[in-house]
Amino acid sequence: MDRVFNNADSFAMAFDDAWKQSLRSDTSRSLSIEERTKVILETRIQEH
């Protein structure tokens, strides 16, 4: 993620990228949607 802005569009792009990356992870595939979302928000884009 090169540039980050404090708006929903920037967040959506960051979330989409993090979600797609999580789908490539073997450990993330076994998580429910709710669990995967929580992991992404708490560990991958927590500083957005």
ModelCIF file with pLDDT and N, C-alpha, C, O atoms, coordinates in Angstrom:
data_MODEL
#
_entry.id   MODEL 
#
_entity.id                         1 
_entity.type                       polymer 
_entity.pdbx_number_of_molecules   1 
#
_entity_poly.entity_id                      1 
_entity_poly.type                           'polypeptide(L)' 
_entity_poly.nstd_linkage                   no 
_entity_poly.nstd_monomer                   no 
_entity_poly.pdbx_seq_one_letter_code       MDRVFNNADSFAMAFDDAWKQSLRSDTSRSLSIEERTKVILETRIQEH 
_entity_poly.pdbx_seq_one_letter_code_can   MDRVFNNADSFAMAFDDAWKQSLRSDTSRSLSIEERTKVILETRIQEH 
_entity_poly.pdbx_strand_id                 A 
#
loop_
_entity_poly_seq.entity_id 
_entity_poly_seq.num 
_entity_poly_seq.mon_id 
_entity_poly_seq.hetero 
1 1  MET n 
1 2  ASP n 
1 3  ARG n 
1 4  VAL n 
1 5  PHE n 
1 6  ASN n 
1 7  ASN n 
1 8  ALA n 
1 9  ASP n 
1 10 SER n 
1 11 PHE n 
1 12 ALA n 
1 13 MET n 
1 14 ALA n 
1 15 PHE n 
1 16 ASP n 
1 17 ASP n 
1 18 ALA n 
1 19 TRP n 
1 20 LYS n 
1 21 GLN n 
1 22 SER n 
1 23 LEU n 
1 24 ARG n 
1 25 SER n 
1 26 ASP n 
1 27 THR n 
1 28 SER n 
1 29 ARG n 
1 30 SER n 
1 31 LEU n 
1 32 SER n 
1 33 ILE n 
1 34 GLU n 
1 35 GLU n 
1 36 ARG n 
1 37 THR n 
1 38 LYS n 
1 39 VAL n 
1 40 ILE n 
1 41 LEU n 
1 42 GLU n 
1 43 THR n 
1 44 ARG n 
1 45 ILE n 
1 46 GLN n 
1 47 GLU n 
1 48 HIS n 
#
_struct_asym.id          A 
_struct_asym.entity_id   1 
#
loop_
_ma_qa_metric.id 
_ma_qa_metric.mode 
_ma_qa_metric.name 
_ma_qa_metric.software_group_id 
_ma_qa_metric.type 
1 global pLDDT . pLDDT 
2 local  pLDDT . pLDDT 
#
_ma_qa_metric_global.metric_id      1 
_ma_qa_metric_global.metric_value   90.54 
_ma_qa_metric_global.model_id       1 
_ma_qa_metric_global.ordinal_id     1 
#
loop_
_ma_qa_metric_local.label_asym_id 
_ma_qa_metric_local.label_comp_id 
_ma_qa_metric_local.label_seq_id 
_ma_qa_metric_local.metric_id 
_ma_qa_metric_local.metric_value 
_ma_qa_metric_local.model_id 
_ma_qa_metric_local.ordinal_id 
A MET 1  2 49.00 1 1  
A ASP 2  2 70.00 1 2  
A ARG 3  2 85.00 1 3  
A VAL 4  2 92.00 1 4  
A PHE 5  2 96.00 1 5  
A ASN 6  2 97.00 1 6  
A ASN 7  2 97.00 1 7  
A ALA 8  2 97.00 1 8  
A ASP 9  2 97.00 1 9  
A SER 10 2 97.00 1 10 
A PHE 11 2 98.00 1 11 
A ALA 12 2 96.00 1 12 
A MET 13 2 96.00 1 13 
A ALA 14 2 97.00 1 14 
A PHE 15 2 96.00 1 15 
A ASP 16 2 94.00 1 16 
A ASP 17 2 94.00 1 17 
A ALA 18 2 95.00 1 18 
A TRP 19 2 92.00 1 19 
A LYS 20 2 89.00 1 20 
A GLN 21 2 91.00 1 21 
A SER 22 2 89.00 1 22 
A LEU 23 2 85.00 1 23 
A ARG 24 2 87.00 1 24 
A SER 25 2 80.00 1 25 
A ASP 26 2 74.00 1 26 
A THR 27 2 78.00 1 27 
A SER 28 2 76.00 1 28 
A ARG 29 2 75.00 1 29 
A SER 30 2 85.00 1 30 
A LEU 31 2 89.00 1 31 
A SER 32 2 91.00 1 32 
A ILE 33 2 91.00 1 33 
A GLU 34 2 93.00 1 34 
A GLU 35 2 94.00 1 35 
A ARG 36 2 93.00 1 36 
A THR 37 2 95.00 1 37 
A LYS 38 2 95.00 1 38 
A VAL 39 2 94.00 1 39 
A ILE 40 2 95.00 1 40 
A LEU 41 2 97.00 1 41 
A GLU 42 2 96.00 1 42 
A THR 43 2 95.00 1 43 
A ARG 44 2 95.00 1 44 
A ILE 45 2 97.00 1 45 
A GLN 46 2 97.00 1 46 
A GLU 47 2 97.00 1 47 
A HIS 48 2 98.00 1 48 
#
loop_
_atom_site.group_PDB 
_atom_site.id 
_atom_site.type_symbol 
_atom_site.label_atom_id 
_atom_site.label_alt_id 
_atom_site.label_comp_id 
_atom_site.label_asym_id 
_atom_site.label_entity_id 
_atom_site.label_seq_id 
_atom_site.pdbx_PDB_ins_code 
_atom_site.Cartn_x 
_atom_site.Cartn_y 
_atom_site.Cartn_z 
_atom_site.occupancy 
_atom_site.B_iso_or_equiv 
_atom_site.pdbx_formal_charge 
_atom_site.auth_seq_id 
_atom_site.auth_comp_id 
_atom_site.auth_asym_id 
_atom_site.auth_atom_id 
_atom_site.pdbx_PDB_model_num 
ATOM 1   N N  . MET A 1 1  ? 0.852   -1.146  0.000  1.00 49.00 ? 1  MET A N  1 
ATOM 2   C CA . MET A 1 1  ? 0.000   0.000   0.000  1.00 49.00 ? 1  MET A CA 1 
ATOM 3   C C  . MET A 1 1  ? 0.912   1.227   0.000  1.00 49.00 ? 1  MET A C  1 
ATOM 4   O O  . MET A 1 1  ? 1.626   1.464   0.975  1.00 49.00 ? 1  MET A O  1 
ATOM 5   N N  . ASP A 1 2  ? 0.896   1.994   -1.061 1.00 70.00 ? 2  ASP A N  1 
ATOM 6   C CA . ASP A 1 2  ? 1.798   3.126   -1.199 1.00 70.00 ? 2  ASP A CA 1 
ATOM 7   C C  . ASP A 1 2  ? 1.311   4.348   -0.429 1.00 70.00 ? 2  ASP A C  1 
ATOM 8   O O  . ASP A 1 2  ? 2.009   4.857   0.448  1.00 70.00 ? 2  ASP A O  1 
ATOM 9   N N  . ARG A 1 3  ? 0.119   4.810   -0.758 1.00 85.00 ? 3  ARG A N  1 
ATOM 10  C CA . ARG A 1 3  ? -0.427  5.998   -0.108 1.00 85.00 ? 3  ARG A CA 1 
ATOM 11  C C  . ARG A 1 3  ? -1.728  5.621   0.577  1.00 85.00 ? 3  ARG A C  1 
ATOM 12  O O  . ARG A 1 3  ? -2.547  4.870   0.047  1.00 85.00 ? 3  ARG A O  1 
ATOM 13  N N  . VAL A 1 4  ? -1.888  6.166   1.766  1.00 92.00 ? 4  VAL A N  1 
ATOM 14  C CA . VAL A 1 4  ? -3.055  5.846   2.574  1.00 92.00 ? 4  VAL A CA 1 
ATOM 15  C C  . VAL A 1 4  ? -3.744  7.156   2.956  1.00 92.00 ? 4  VAL A C  1 
ATOM 16  O O  . VAL A 1 4  ? -3.099  8.120   3.368  1.00 92.00 ? 4  VAL A O  1 
ATOM 17  N N  . PHE A 1 5  ? -5.058  7.164   2.810  1.00 96.00 ? 5  PHE A N  1 
ATOM 18  C CA . PHE A 1 5  ? -5.835  8.346   3.149  1.00 96.00 ? 5  PHE A CA 1 
ATOM 19  C C  . PHE A 1 5  ? -6.884  7.984   4.189  1.00 96.00 ? 5  PHE A C  1 
ATOM 20  O O  . PHE A 1 5  ? -7.295  6.829   4.297  1.00 96.00 ? 5  PHE A O  1 
ATOM 21  N N  . ASN A 1 6  ? -7.305  8.967   4.941  1.00 97.00 ? 6  ASN A N  1 
ATOM 22  C CA . ASN A 1 6  ? -8.308  8.755   5.974  1.00 97.00 ? 6  ASN A CA 1 
ATOM 23  C C  . ASN A 1 6  ? -9.700  8.870   5.371  1.00 97.00 ? 6  ASN A C  1 
ATOM 24  O O  . ASN A 1 6  ? -10.456 9.792   5.680  1.00 97.00 ? 6  ASN A O  1 
ATOM 25  N N  . ASN A 1 7  ? -10.023 7.914   4.503  1.00 97.00 ? 7  ASN A N  1 
ATOM 26  C CA . ASN A 1 7  ? -11.372 7.881   3.924  1.00 97.00 ? 7  ASN A CA 1 
ATOM 27  C C  . ASN A 1 7  ? -11.751 6.438   3.592  1.00 97.00 ? 7  ASN A C  1 
ATOM 28  O O  . ASN A 1 7  ? -10.912 5.538   3.561  1.00 97.00 ? 7  ASN A O  1 
ATOM 29  N N  . ALA A 1 8  ? -13.037 6.258   3.350  1.00 97.00 ? 8  ALA A N  1 
ATOM 30  C CA . ALA A 1 8  ? -13.564 4.908   3.123  1.00 97.00 ? 8  ALA A CA 1 
ATOM 31  C C  . ALA A 1 8  ? -13.012 4.271   1.846  1.00 97.00 ? 8  ALA A C  1 
ATOM 32  O O  . ALA A 1 8  ? -12.800 3.059   1.807  1.00 97.00 ? 8  ALA A O  1 
ATOM 33  N N  . ASP A 1 9  ? -12.779 5.063   0.813  1.00 97.00 ? 9  ASP A N  1 
ATOM 34  C CA . ASP A 1 9  ? -12.256 4.494   -0.433 1.00 97.00 ? 9  ASP A CA 1 
ATOM 35  C C  . ASP A 1 9  ? -10.860 3.913   -0.237 1.00 97.00 ? 9  ASP A C  1 
ATOM 36  O O  . ASP A 1 9  ? -10.567 2.810   -0.698 1.00 97.00 ? 9  ASP A O  1 
ATOM 37  N N  . SER A 1 10 ? -10.013 4.654   0.441  1.00 97.00 ? 10 SER A N  1 
ATOM 38  C CA . SER A 1 10 ? -8.663  4.177   0.704  1.00 97.00 ? 10 SER A CA 1 
ATOM 39  C C  . SER A 1 10 ? -8.704  2.924   1.574  1.00 97.00 ? 10 SER A C  1 
ATOM 40  O O  . SER A 1 10 ? -7.956  1.973   1.345  1.00 97.00 ? 10 SER A O  1 
ATOM 41  N N  . PHE A 1 11 ? -9.577  2.933   2.564  1.00 98.00 ? 11 PHE A N  1 
ATOM 42  C CA . PHE A 1 11 ? -9.722  1.763   3.422  1.00 98.00 ? 11 PHE A CA 1 
ATOM 43  C C  . PHE A 1 11 ? -10.213 0.559   2.623  1.00 98.00 ? 11 PHE A C  1 
ATOM 44  O O  . PHE A 1 11 ? -9.700  -0.548  2.789  1.00 98.00 ? 11 PHE A O  1 
ATOM 45  N N  . ALA A 1 12 ? -11.197 0.770   1.762  1.00 96.00 ? 12 ALA A N  1 
ATOM 46  C CA . ALA A 1 12 ? -11.740 -0.330  0.965  1.00 96.00 ? 12 ALA A CA 1 
ATOM 47  C C  . ALA A 1 12 ? -10.660 -0.961  0.101  1.00 96.00 ? 12 ALA A C  1 
ATOM 48  O O  . ALA A 1 12 ? -10.591 -2.185  -0.011 1.00 96.00 ? 12 ALA A O  1 
ATOM 49  N N  . MET A 1 13 ? -9.823  -0.142  -0.507 1.00 96.00 ? 13 MET A N  1 
ATOM 50  C CA . MET A 1 13 ? -8.746  -0.690  -1.343 1.00 96.00 ? 13 MET A CA 1 
ATOM 51  C C  . MET A 1 13 ? -7.759  -1.490  -0.492 1.00 96.00 ? 13 MET A C  1 
ATOM 52  O O  . MET A 1 13 ? -7.321  -2.568  -0.893 1.00 96.00 ? 13 MET A O  1 
ATOM 53  N N  . ALA A 1 14 ? -7.413  -0.961  0.678  1.00 97.00 ? 14 ALA A N  1 
ATOM 54  C CA . ALA A 1 14 ? -6.487  -1.673  1.565  1.00 97.00 ? 14 ALA A CA 1 
ATOM 55  C C  . ALA A 1 14 ? -7.109  -2.982  2.044  1.00 97.00 ? 14 ALA A C  1 
ATOM 56  O O  . ALA A 1 14 ? -6.434  -4.010  2.106  1.00 97.00 ? 14 ALA A O  1 
ATOM 57  N N  . PHE A 1 15 ? -8.391  -2.939  2.382  1.00 96.00 ? 15 PHE A N  1 
ATOM 58  C CA . PHE A 1 15 ? -9.070  -4.151  2.848  1.00 96.00 ? 15 PHE A CA 1 
ATOM 59  C C  . PHE A 1 15 ? -9.131  -5.197  1.737  1.00 96.00 ? 15 PHE A C  1 
ATOM 60  O O  . PHE A 1 15 ? -8.854  -6.372  1.975  1.00 96.00 ? 15 PHE A O  1 
ATOM 61  N N  . ASP A 1 16 ? -9.489  -4.776  0.533  1.00 94.00 ? 16 ASP A N  1 
ATOM 62  C CA . ASP A 1 16 ? -9.562  -5.720  -0.588 1.00 94.00 ? 16 ASP A CA 1 
ATOM 63  C C  . ASP A 1 16 ? -8.228  -6.413  -0.799 1.00 94.00 ? 16 ASP A C  1 
ATOM 64  O O  . ASP A 1 16 ? -8.179  -7.630  -0.973 1.00 94.00 ? 16 ASP A O  1 
ATOM 65  N N  . ASP A 1 17 ? -7.143  -5.642  -0.784 1.00 94.00 ? 17 ASP A N  1 
ATOM 66  C CA . ASP A 1 17 ? -5.813  -6.228  -0.971 1.00 94.00 ? 17 ASP A CA 1 
ATOM 67  C C  . ASP A 1 17 ? -5.481  -7.207  0.148  1.00 94.00 ? 17 ASP A C  1 
ATOM 68  O O  . ASP A 1 17 ? -4.979  -8.302  -0.107 1.00 94.00 ? 17 ASP A O  1 
ATOM 69  N N  . ALA A 1 18 ? -5.762  -6.813  1.383  1.00 95.00 ? 18 ALA A N  1 
ATOM 70  C CA . ALA A 1 18 ? -5.469  -7.685  2.522  1.00 95.00 ? 18 ALA A CA 1 
ATOM 71  C C  . ALA A 1 18 ? -6.314  -8.954  2.473  1.00 95.00 ? 18 ALA A C  1 
ATOM 72  O O  . ALA A 1 18 ? -5.838  -10.035 2.817  1.00 95.00 ? 18 ALA A O  1 
ATOM 73  N N  . TRP A 1 19 ? -7.561  -8.820  2.046  1.00 92.00 ? 19 TRP A N  1 
ATOM 74  C CA . TRP A 1 19 ? -8.446  -9.990  1.956  1.00 92.00 ? 19 TRP A CA 1 
ATOM 75  C C  . TRP A 1 19 ? -7.907  -10.969 0.903  1.00 92.00 ? 19 TRP A C  1 
ATOM 76  O O  . TRP A 1 19 ? -7.823  -12.172 1.149  1.00 92.00 ? 19 TRP A O  1 
ATOM 77  N N  . LYS A 1 20 ? -7.552  -10.447 -0.246 1.00 89.00 ? 20 LYS A N  1 
ATOM 78  C CA . LYS A 1 20 ? -7.032  -11.310 -1.309 1.00 89.00 ? 20 LYS A CA 1 
ATOM 79  C C  . LYS A 1 20 ? -5.739  -11.989 -0.891 1.00 89.00 ? 20 LYS A C  1 
ATOM 80  O O  . LYS A 1 20 ? -5.519  -13.157 -1.211 1.00 89.00 ? 20 LYS A O  1 
ATOM 81  N N  . GLN A 1 21 ? -4.884  -11.270 -0.179 1.00 91.00 ? 21 GLN A N  1 
ATOM 82  C CA . GLN A 1 21 ? -3.651  -11.887 0.327  1.00 91.00 ? 21 GLN A CA 1 
ATOM 83  C C  . GLN A 1 21 ? -3.977  -12.984 1.327  1.00 91.00 ? 21 GLN A C  1 
ATOM 84  O O  . GLN A 1 21 ? -3.322  -14.027 1.343  1.00 91.00 ? 21 GLN A O  1 
ATOM 85  N N  . SER A 1 22 ? -4.983  -12.757 2.161  1.00 89.00 ? 22 SER A N  1 
ATOM 86  C CA . SER A 1 22 ? -5.346  -13.761 3.160  1.00 89.00 ? 22 SER A CA 1 
ATOM 87  C C  . SER A 1 22 ? -5.866  -15.032 2.506  1.00 89.00 ? 22 SER A C  1 
ATOM 88  O O  . SER A 1 22 ? -5.683  -16.124 3.044  1.00 89.00 ? 22 SER A O  1 
ATOM 89  N N  . LEU A 1 23 ? -6.509  -14.905 1.357  1.00 85.00 ? 23 LEU A N  1 
ATOM 90  C CA . LEU A 1 23 ? -7.025  -16.081 0.660  1.00 85.00 ? 23 LEU A CA 1 
ATOM 91  C C  . LEU A 1 23 ? -5.902  -16.974 0.150  1.00 85.00 ? 23 LEU A C  1 
ATOM 92  O O  . LEU A 1 23 ? -6.102  -18.170 -0.061 1.00 85.00 ? 23 LEU A O  1 
ATOM 93  N N  . ARG A 1 24 ? -4.732  -16.400 -0.047 1.00 87.00 ? 24 ARG A N  1 
ATOM 94  C CA . ARG A 1 24 ? -3.580  -17.178 -0.505 1.00 87.00 ? 24 ARG A CA 1 
ATOM 95  C C  . ARG A 1 24 ? -2.858  -17.870 0.651  1.00 87.00 ? 24 ARG A C  1 
ATOM 96  O O  . ARG A 1 24 ? -1.953  -18.676 0.434  1.00 87.00 ? 24 ARG A O  1 
ATOM 97  N N  . SER A 1 25 ? -3.262  -17.553 1.867  1.00 80.00 ? 25 SER A N  1 
ATOM 98  C CA . SER A 1 25 ? -2.644  -18.125 3.056  1.00 80.00 ? 25 SER A CA 1 
ATOM 99  C C  . SER A 1 25 ? -3.382  -19.395 3.465  1.00 80.00 ? 25 SER A C  1 
ATOM 100 O O  . SER A 1 25 ? -4.607  -19.393 3.591  1.00 80.00 ? 25 SER A O  1 
ATOM 101 N N  . ASP A 1 26 ? -2.651  -20.460 3.668  1.00 74.00 ? 26 ASP A N  1 
ATOM 102 C CA . ASP A 1 26 ? -3.265  -21.725 4.068  1.00 74.00 ? 26 ASP A CA 1 
ATOM 103 C C  . ASP A 1 26 ? -3.964  -21.607 5.419  1.00 74.00 ? 26 ASP A C  1 
ATOM 104 O O  . ASP A 1 26 ? -5.035  -22.183 5.608  1.00 74.00 ? 26 ASP A O  1 
ATOM 105 N N  . THR A 1 27 ? -3.384  -20.880 6.348  1.00 78.00 ? 27 THR A N  1 
ATOM 106 C CA . THR A 1 27 ? -3.984  -20.767 7.680  1.00 78.00 ? 27 THR A CA 1 
ATOM 107 C C  . THR A 1 27 ? -5.271  -19.961 7.644  1.00 78.00 ? 27 THR A C  1 
ATOM 108 O O  . THR A 1 27 ? -6.183  -20.227 8.426  1.00 78.00 ? 27 THR A O  1 
ATOM 109 N N  . SER A 1 28 ? -5.362  -18.999 6.768  1.00 76.00 ? 28 SER A N  1 
ATOM 110 C CA . SER A 1 28 ? -6.537  -18.141 6.698  1.00 76.00 ? 28 SER A CA 1 
ATOM 111 C C  . SER A 1 28 ? -7.717  -18.838 6.034  1.00 76.00 ? 28 SER A C  1 
ATOM 112 O O  . SER A 1 28 ? -8.866  -18.496 6.313  1.00 76.00 ? 28 SER A O  1 
ATOM 113 N N  . ARG A 1 29 ? -7.464  -19.786 5.181  1.00 75.00 ? 29 ARG A N  1 
ATOM 114 C CA . ARG A 1 29 ? -8.545  -20.479 4.468  1.00 75.00 ? 29 ARG A CA 1 
ATOM 115 C C  . ARG A 1 29 ? -9.479  -21.228 5.408  1.00 75.00 ? 29 ARG A C  1 
ATOM 116 O O  . ARG A 1 29 ? -10.660 -21.400 5.104  1.00 75.00 ? 29 ARG A O  1 
ATOM 117 N N  . SER A 1 30 ? -8.968  -21.664 6.524  1.00 85.00 ? 30 SER A N  1 
ATOM 118 C CA . SER A 1 30 ? -9.792  -22.434 7.450  1.00 85.00 ? 30 SER A CA 1 
ATOM 119 C C  . SER A 1 30 ? -10.638 -21.546 8.360  1.00 85.00 ? 30 SER A C  1 
ATOM 120 O O  . SER A 1 30 ? -11.477 -22.051 9.106  1.00 85.00 ? 30 SER A O  1 
ATOM 121 N N  . LEU A 1 31 ? -10.433 -20.255 8.310  1.00 89.00 ? 31 LEU A N  1 
ATOM 122 C CA . LEU A 1 31 ? -11.186 -19.332 9.159  1.00 89.00 ? 31 LEU A CA 1 
ATOM 123 C C  . LEU A 1 31 ? -12.543 -19.000 8.545  1.00 89.00 ? 31 LEU A C  1 
ATOM 124 O O  . LEU A 1 31 ? -12.713 -19.007 7.326  1.00 89.00 ? 31 LEU A O  1 
ATOM 125 N N  . SER A 1 32 ? -13.492 -18.712 9.412  1.00 91.00 ? 32 SER A N  1 
ATOM 126 C CA . SER A 1 32 ? -14.785 -18.226 8.933  1.00 91.00 ? 32 SER A CA 1 
ATOM 127 C C  . SER A 1 32 ? -14.595 -16.799 8.396  1.00 91.00 ? 32 SER A C  1 
ATOM 128 O O  . SER A 1 32 ? -13.562 -16.172 8.633  1.00 91.00 ? 32 SER A O  1 
ATOM 129 N N  . ILE A 1 33 ? -15.579 -16.308 7.688  1.00 91.00 ? 33 ILE A N  1 
ATOM 130 C CA . ILE A 1 33 ? -15.504 -14.938 7.169  1.00 91.00 ? 33 ILE A CA 1 
ATOM 131 C C  . ILE A 1 33 ? -15.337 -13.953 8.314  1.00 91.00 ? 33 ILE A C  1 
ATOM 132 O O  . ILE A 1 33 ? -14.530 -13.027 8.231  1.00 91.00 ? 33 ILE A O  1 
ATOM 133 N N  . GLU A 1 34 ? -16.097 -14.150 9.377  1.00 93.00 ? 34 GLU A N  1 
ATOM 134 C CA . GLU A 1 34 ? -16.016 -13.269 10.547 1.00 93.00 ? 34 GLU A CA 1 
ATOM 135 C C  . GLU A 1 34 ? -14.617 -13.285 11.161 1.00 93.00 ? 34 GLU A C  1 
ATOM 136 O O  . GLU A 1 34 ? -14.063 -12.235 11.486 1.00 93.00 ? 34 GLU A O  1 
ATOM 137 N N  . GLU A 1 35 ? -14.055 -14.474 11.318 1.00 94.00 ? 35 GLU A N  1 
ATOM 138 C CA . GLU A 1 35 ? -12.718 -14.600 11.896 1.00 94.00 ? 35 GLU A CA 1 
ATOM 139 C C  . GLU A 1 35 ? -11.659 -13.989 10.980 1.00 94.00 ? 35 GLU A C  1 
ATOM 140 O O  . GLU A 1 35 ? -10.762 -13.287 11.446 1.00 94.00 ? 35 GLU A O  1 
ATOM 141 N N  . ARG A 1 36 ? -11.763 -14.253 9.693  1.00 93.00 ? 36 ARG A N  1 
ATOM 142 C CA . ARG A 1 36 ? -10.793 -13.712 8.744  1.00 93.00 ? 36 ARG A CA 1 
ATOM 143 C C  . ARG A 1 36 ? -10.851 -12.191 8.729  1.00 93.00 ? 36 ARG A C  1 
ATOM 144 O O  . ARG A 1 36 ? -9.816  -11.526 8.686  1.00 93.00 ? 36 ARG A O  1 
ATOM 145 N N  . THR A 1 37 ? -12.054 -11.643 8.765  1.00 95.00 ? 37 THR A N  1 
ATOM 146 C CA . THR A 1 37 ? -12.196 -10.187 8.788  1.00 95.00 ? 37 THR A CA 1 
ATOM 147 C C  . THR A 1 37 ? -11.534 -9.616  10.038 1.00 95.00 ? 37 THR A C  1 
ATOM 148 O O  . THR A 1 37 ? -10.818 -8.618  9.963  1.00 95.00 ? 37 THR A O  1 
ATOM 149 N N  . LYS A 1 38 ? -11.768 -10.238 11.165 1.00 95.00 ? 38 LYS A N  1 
ATOM 150 C CA . LYS A 1 38 ? -11.175 -9.773  12.416 1.00 95.00 ? 38 LYS A CA 1 
ATOM 151 C C  . LYS A 1 38 ? -9.650  -9.797  12.350 1.00 95.00 ? 38 LYS A C  1 
ATOM 152 O O  . LYS A 1 38 ? -8.994  -8.842  12.766 1.00 95.00 ? 38 LYS A O  1 
ATOM 153 N N  . VAL A 1 39 ? -9.089  -10.876 11.833 1.00 94.00 ? 39 VAL A N  1 
ATOM 154 C CA . VAL A 1 39 ? -7.634  -10.990 11.711 1.00 94.00 ? 39 VAL A CA 1 
ATOM 155 C C  . VAL A 1 39 ? -7.089  -9.887  10.813 1.00 94.00 ? 39 VAL A C  1 
ATOM 156 O O  . VAL A 1 39 ? -6.078  -9.261  11.134 1.00 94.00 ? 39 VAL A O  1 
ATOM 157 N N  . ILE A 1 40 ? -7.750  -9.653  9.703  1.00 95.00 ? 40 ILE A N  1 
ATOM 158 C CA . ILE A 1 40 ? -7.296  -8.617  8.773  1.00 95.00 ? 40 ILE A CA 1 
ATOM 159 C C  . ILE A 1 40 ? -7.332  -7.253  9.438  1.00 95.00 ? 40 ILE A C  1 
ATOM 160 O O  . ILE A 1 40 ? -6.373  -6.488  9.341  1.00 95.00 ? 40 ILE A O  1 
ATOM 161 N N  . LEU A 1 41 ? -8.423  -6.944  10.107 1.00 97.00 ? 41 LEU A N  1 
ATOM 162 C CA . LEU A 1 41 ? -8.554  -5.630  10.740 1.00 97.00 ? 41 LEU A CA 1 
ATOM 163 C C  . LEU A 1 41 ? -7.572  -5.455  11.894 1.00 97.00 ? 41 LEU A C  1 
ATOM 164 O O  . LEU A 1 41 ? -7.094  -4.346  12.135 1.00 97.00 ? 41 LEU A O  1 
ATOM 165 N N  . GLU A 1 42 ? -7.271  -6.518  12.596 1.00 96.00 ? 42 GLU A N  1 
ATOM 166 C CA . GLU A 1 42 ? -6.412  -6.416  13.774 1.00 96.00 ? 42 GLU A CA 1 
ATOM 167 C C  . GLU A 1 42 ? -4.929  -6.598  13.490 1.00 96.00 ? 42 GLU A C  1 
ATOM 168 O O  . GLU A 1 42 ? -4.094  -6.183  14.294 1.00 96.00 ? 42 GLU A O  1 
ATOM 169 N N  . THR A 1 43 ? -4.586  -7.215  12.355 1.00 95.00 ? 43 THR A N  1 
ATOM 170 C CA . THR A 1 43 ? -3.169  -7.490  12.128 1.00 95.00 ? 43 THR A CA 1 
ATOM 171 C C  . THR A 1 43 ? -2.621  -6.971  10.803 1.00 95.00 ? 43 THR A C  1 
ATOM 172 O O  . THR A 1 43 ? -1.438  -6.640  10.721 1.00 95.00 ? 43 THR A O  1 
ATOM 173 N N  . ARG A 1 44 ? -3.435  -6.892  9.784  1.00 95.00 ? 44 ARG A N  1 
ATOM 174 C CA . ARG A 1 44 ? -2.902  -6.519  8.469  1.00 95.00 ? 44 ARG A CA 1 
ATOM 175 C C  . ARG A 1 44 ? -3.071  -5.042  8.134  1.00 95.00 ? 44 ARG A C  1 
ATOM 176 O O  . ARG A 1 44 ? -2.204  -4.443  7.500  1.00 95.00 ? 44 ARG A O  1 
ATOM 177 N N  . ILE A 1 45 ? -4.180  -4.460  8.557  1.00 97.00 ? 45 ILE A N  1 
ATOM 178 C CA . ILE A 1 45 ? -4.411  -3.044  8.230  1.00 97.00 ? 45 ILE A CA 1 
ATOM 179 C C  . ILE A 1 45 ? -4.777  -2.246  9.474  1.00 97.00 ? 45 ILE A C  1 
ATOM 180 O O  . ILE A 1 45 ? -5.479  -1.237  9.387  1.00 97.00 ? 45 ILE A O  1 
ATOM 181 N N  . GLN A 1 46 ? -4.306  -2.694  10.622 1.00 97.00 ? 46 GLN A N  1 
ATOM 182 C CA . GLN A 1 46 ? -4.656  -2.078  11.889 1.00 97.00 ? 46 GLN A CA 1 
ATOM 183 C C  . GLN A 1 46 ? -4.217  -0.625  12.006 1.00 97.00 ? 46 GLN A C  1 
ATOM 184 O O  . GLN A 1 46 ? -4.763  0.111   12.828 1.00 97.00 ? 46 GLN A O  1 
ATOM 185 N N  . GLU A 1 47 ? -3.258  -0.198  11.217 1.00 97.00 ? 47 GLU A N  1 
ATOM 186 C CA . GLU A 1 47 ? -2.769  1.184   11.279 1.00 97.00 ? 47 GLU A CA 1 
ATOM 187 C C  . GLU A 1 47 ? -3.445  2.106   10.266 1.00 97.00 ? 47 GLU A C  1 
ATOM 188 O O  . GLU A 1 47 ? -3.092  3.282   10.175 1.00 97.00 ? 47 GLU A O  1 
ATOM 189 N N  . HIS A 1 48 ? -4.398  1.598   9.514  1.00 98.00 ? 48 HIS A N  1 
ATOM 190 C CA . HIS A 1 48 ? -5.058  2.451   8.515  1.00 98.00 ? 48 HIS A CA 1 
ATOM 191 C C  . HIS A 1 48 ? -5.813  3.564   9.239  1.00 98.00 ? 48 HIS A C  1 
ATOM 192 O O  . HIS A 1 48 ? -6.444  4.402   8.595  1.00 98.00 ? 48 HIS A O  1 
#
